[in-house]
C-alpha atoms as a PDB file:
ATOM      1  CA  MET A   1     104.743  99.228  95.896  1.00  0.00           C
ATOM      2  CA  GLU A   2     103.368 102.754  95.995  1.00  0.00           C
ATOM      3  CA  ILE A   3     104.886 105.839  97.590  1.00  0.00           C
ATOM      4  CA  TRP A   4     102.868 108.926  98.474  1.00  0.00           C
ATOM      5  CA  ILE A   5     105.087 111.970  98.074  1.00  0.00           C
ATOM      6  CA  ASN A   6     105.205 115.722  98.066  1.00  0.00           C
ATOM      7  CA  PRO A   7     107.915 116.617  95.505  1.00  0.00           C
ATOM      8  CA  ALA A   8     109.027 119.552  97.685  1.00  0.00           C
ATOM      9  CA  CYS A   9     109.769 117.249 100.646  1.00  0.00           C
ATOM     10  CA  SER A  10     113.383 116.267 101.346  1.00  0.00           C
ATOM     11  CA  LYS A  11     112.322 113.083 103.203  1.00  0.00           C
ATOM     12  CA  CYS A  12     110.367 112.037 100.102  1.00  0.00           C
ATOM     13  CA  ALA A  13     113.402 112.649  97.889  1.00  0.00           C
ATOM     14  CA  SER A  14     115.559 110.573 100.238  1.00  0.00           C
ATOM     15  CA  ALA A  15     113.036 107.720 100.230  1.00  0.00           C
ATOM     16  CA  LEU A  16     112.866 107.762  96.425  1.00  0.00           C
ATOM     17  CA  SER A  17     116.673 107.633  96.227  1.00  0.00           C
ATOM     18  CA  LEU A  18     116.782 104.642  98.574  1.00  0.00           C
ATOM     19  CA  LEU A  19     114.135 102.818  96.542  1.00  0.00           C
ATOM     20  CA  ASP A  20     115.963 103.609  93.301  1.00  0.00           C
ATOM     21  CA  ASP A  21     119.315 102.493  94.734  1.00  0.00           C
ATOM     22  CA  ALA A  22     117.706  99.192  95.764  1.00  0.00           C
ATOM     23  CA  GLY A  23     116.207  98.709  92.301  1.00  0.00           C
ATOM     24  CA  ALA A  24     112.696  98.649  93.736  1.00  0.00           C
ATOM     25  CA  THR A  25     109.694  98.827  91.449  1.00  0.00           C
ATOM     26  CA  TYR A  26     107.182 101.396  92.645  1.00  0.00           C
ATOM     27  CA  THR A  27     104.504 103.848  91.620  1.00  0.00           C
ATOM     28  CA  VAL A  28     104.668 107.480  92.708  1.00  0.00           C
ATOM     29  CA  ARG A  29     101.517 109.163  93.938  1.00  0.00           C
ATOM     30  CA  ARG A  30     101.795 112.910  94.328  1.00  0.00           C
ATOM     31  CA  TYR A  31      99.147 112.950  96.990  1.00  0.00           C
ATOM     32  CA  LEU A  32      98.623 116.720  96.943  1.00  0.00           C
ATOM     33  CA  GLU A  33      97.710 116.531  93.238  1.00  0.00           C
ATOM     34  CA  GLU A  34      95.890 113.187  93.537  1.00  0.00           C
ATOM     35  CA  PRO A  35      94.450 113.295  97.061  1.00  0.00           C
ATOM     36  CA  PRO A  36      93.638 110.009  98.746  1.00  0.00           C
ATOM     37  CA  SER A  37      90.002 109.268  99.489  1.00  0.00           C
ATOM     38  CA  ALA A  38      88.779 108.480 102.981  1.00  0.00           C
ATOM     39  CA  GLU A  39      88.837 104.814 101.913  1.00  0.00           C
ATOM     40  CA  ASP A  40      92.477 105.123 100.772  1.00  0.00           C
ATOM     41  CA  ILE A  41      93.393 106.637 104.138  1.00  0.00           C
ATOM     42  CA  GLU A  42      91.509 103.877 105.984  1.00  0.00           C
ATOM     43  CA  ASP A  43      93.458 101.272 104.007  1.00  0.00           C
ATOM     44  CA  VAL A  44      96.797 102.935 104.742  1.00  0.00           C
ATOM     45  CA  LEU A  45      95.960 103.275 108.429  1.00  0.00           C
ATOM     46  CA  GLN A  46      95.109  99.585 108.621  1.00  0.00           C
ATOM     47  CA  ARG A  47      98.378  98.682 106.901  1.00  0.00           C
ATOM     48  CA  LEU A  48     100.329 100.982 109.213  1.00  0.00           C
ATOM     49  CA  GLY A  49      98.487  99.804 112.334  1.00  0.00           C
ATOM     50  CA  MET A  50      97.923 103.452 113.253  1.00  0.00           C
ATOM     51  CA  GLN A  51      95.139 105.909 113.952  1.00  0.00           C
ATOM     52  CA  PRO A  52      94.585 109.015 111.800  1.00  0.00           C
ATOM     53  CA  TRP A  53      95.977 111.356 114.454  1.00  0.00           C
ATOM     54  CA  HIS A  54      99.257 109.414 114.285  1.00  0.00           C
ATOM     55  CA  ILE A  55      99.781 110.412 110.639  1.00  0.00           C
ATOM     56  CA  ALA A  56      98.585 114.018 110.933  1.00  0.00           C
ATOM     57  CA  ARG A  57     101.021 116.888 110.449  1.00  0.00           C
ATOM     58  CA  LEU A  58      99.849 119.110 113.277  1.00  0.00           C
ATOM     59  CA  THR A  59     102.253 121.960 112.523  1.00  0.00           C
ATOM     60  CA  GLU A  60     100.682 122.721 109.138  1.00  0.00           C
ATOM     61  CA  PRO A  61      98.638 125.951 108.905  1.00  0.00           C
ATOM     62  CA  ALA A  62      95.588 123.882 107.897  1.00  0.00           C
ATOM     63  CA  ALA A  63      95.828 122.021 111.223  1.00  0.00           C
ATOM     64  CA  ALA A  64      95.723 125.324 113.086  1.00  0.00           C
ATOM     65  CA  GLU A  65      92.783 126.542 110.995  1.00  0.00           C
ATOM     66  CA  LEU A  66      90.839 123.378 111.844  1.00  0.00           C
ATOM     67  CA  GLY A  67      91.880 123.430 115.505  1.00  0.00           C
ATOM     68  CA  LEU A  68      93.162 119.879 114.980  1.00  0.00           C
ATOM     69  CA  THR A  69      95.396 119.801 118.044  1.00  0.00           C
ATOM     70  CA  ALA A  70      92.326 120.146 120.259  1.00  0.00           C
ATOM     71  CA  TRP A  71      90.342 117.372 118.575  1.00  0.00           C
ATOM     72  CA  PRO A  72      89.705 114.280 120.700  1.00  0.00           C
ATOM     73  CA  ARG A  73      91.818 111.305 119.754  1.00  0.00           C
ATOM     74  CA  ASP A  74      89.376 108.479 120.239  1.00  0.00           C
ATOM     75  CA  GLU A  75      87.308 106.041 118.201  1.00  0.00           C
ATOM     76  CA  SER A  76      84.234 108.268 118.193  1.00  0.00           C
ATOM     77  CA  HIS A  77      86.219 111.010 116.389  1.00  0.00           C
ATOM     78  CA  ARG A  78      88.206 108.756 114.063  1.00  0.00           C
ATOM     79  CA  ARG A  79      86.006 109.451 110.999  1.00  0.00           C
ATOM     80  CA  GLN A  80      86.267 113.205 111.624  1.00  0.00           C
ATOM     81  CA  TRP A  81      90.065 112.925 111.543  1.00  0.00           C
ATOM     82  CA  ILE A  82      89.993 110.833 108.366  1.00  0.00           C
ATOM     83  CA  ALA A  83      87.649 113.297 106.680  1.00  0.00           C
ATOM     84  CA  ALA A  84      90.022 116.159 107.570  1.00  0.00           C
ATOM     85  CA  LEU A  85      93.009 114.283 106.136  1.00  0.00           C
ATOM     86  CA  ALA A  86      91.085 113.522 102.940  1.00  0.00           C
ATOM     87  CA  ALA A  87      89.920 117.136 102.589  1.00  0.00           C
ATOM     88  CA  HIS A  88      93.360 118.581 103.441  1.00  0.00           C
ATOM     89  CA  PRO A  89      95.992 116.090 102.216  1.00  0.00           C
ATOM     90  CA  ILE A  90      98.791 118.481 103.215  1.00  0.00           C
ATOM     91  CA  LEU A  91      98.044 117.240 106.742  1.00  0.00           C
ATOM     92  CA  ILE A  92      99.207 113.683 105.935  1.00  0.00           C
ATOM     93  CA  GLN A  93     102.702 112.632 107.017  1.00  0.00           C
ATOM     94  CA  ARG A  94     105.005 111.825 104.141  1.00  0.00           C
ATOM     95  CA  PRO A  95     106.280 109.776 102.513  1.00  0.00           C
ATOM     96  CA  ILE A  96     103.978 106.819 103.025  1.00  0.00           C
ATOM     97  CA  ILE A  97     105.056 103.645 101.279  1.00  0.00           C
ATOM     98  CA  THR A  98     102.690 100.724 100.784  1.00  0.00           C
ATOM     99  CA  ALA A  99     104.150  97.363  99.836  1.00  0.00           C
ATOM    100  CA  ASP A 100     102.573  94.661  97.718  1.00  0.00           C
ATOM    101  CA  ASP A 101     102.509  92.309 100.730  1.00  0.00           C
ATOM    102  CA  GLY A 102     100.027  94.571 102.542  1.00  0.00           C
ATOM    103  CA  THR A 103     102.485  96.312 104.833  1.00  0.00           C
ATOM    104  CA  ALA A 104     103.226 100.031 104.919  1.00  0.00           C
ATOM    105  CA  VAL A 105     105.572 102.502 106.580  1.00  0.00           C
ATOM    106  CA  ILE A 106     105.954 106.203 107.012  1.00  0.00           C
ATOM    107  CA  GLY A 107     109.304 106.508 105.289  1.00  0.00           C
ATOM    108  CA  ARG A 108     110.784 109.427 107.186  1.00  0.00           C
ATOM    109  CA  SER A 109     113.909 107.463 108.124  1.00  0.00           C
ATOM    110  CA  PRO A 110     116.161 105.364 105.892  1.00  0.00           C
ATOM    111  CA  ASP A 111     115.600 102.360 108.157  1.00  0.00           C
ATOM    112  CA  SER A 112     111.824 102.514 107.750  1.00  0.00           C
ATOM    113  CA  VAL A 113     112.178 102.648 103.960  1.00  0.00           C
ATOM    114  CA  ARG A 114     114.655  99.757 103.981  1.00  0.00           C
ATOM    115  CA  SER A 115     112.274  97.684 106.099  1.00  0.00           C
ATOM    116  CA  LEU A 116     110.031  97.243 103.038  1.00  0.00           C
ATOM    117  CA  LEU A 117     112.805  96.116 100.746  1.00  0.00           C
ATOM    118  CA  PRO A 118     113.470  92.421 100.135  1.00  0.00           C
END
């Protein structure tokens, strides 16, 4: 199991506490220090069953600078969204937890984190 976190994020801290309390084995990826590649983001999106605009933090200043809220949300612009997320990882929702069985969740709620636990 891997969890993408921003150490300054309270939702990330809560997710880590839940994983620790459950005795889960996981690897922490501080995704702002070790940004995911476009391929990493593609993999996570496939696991989540989501599109890149579903995991974008549109209230971040970088989103405003890029004009992200006005970008089309369709297949022809999917790679553009992924490239923006890879270039500006602050735009990625957090925490994202990937499980060894190929599933993943955005762990913003305790229930979503618990859904990956045995």
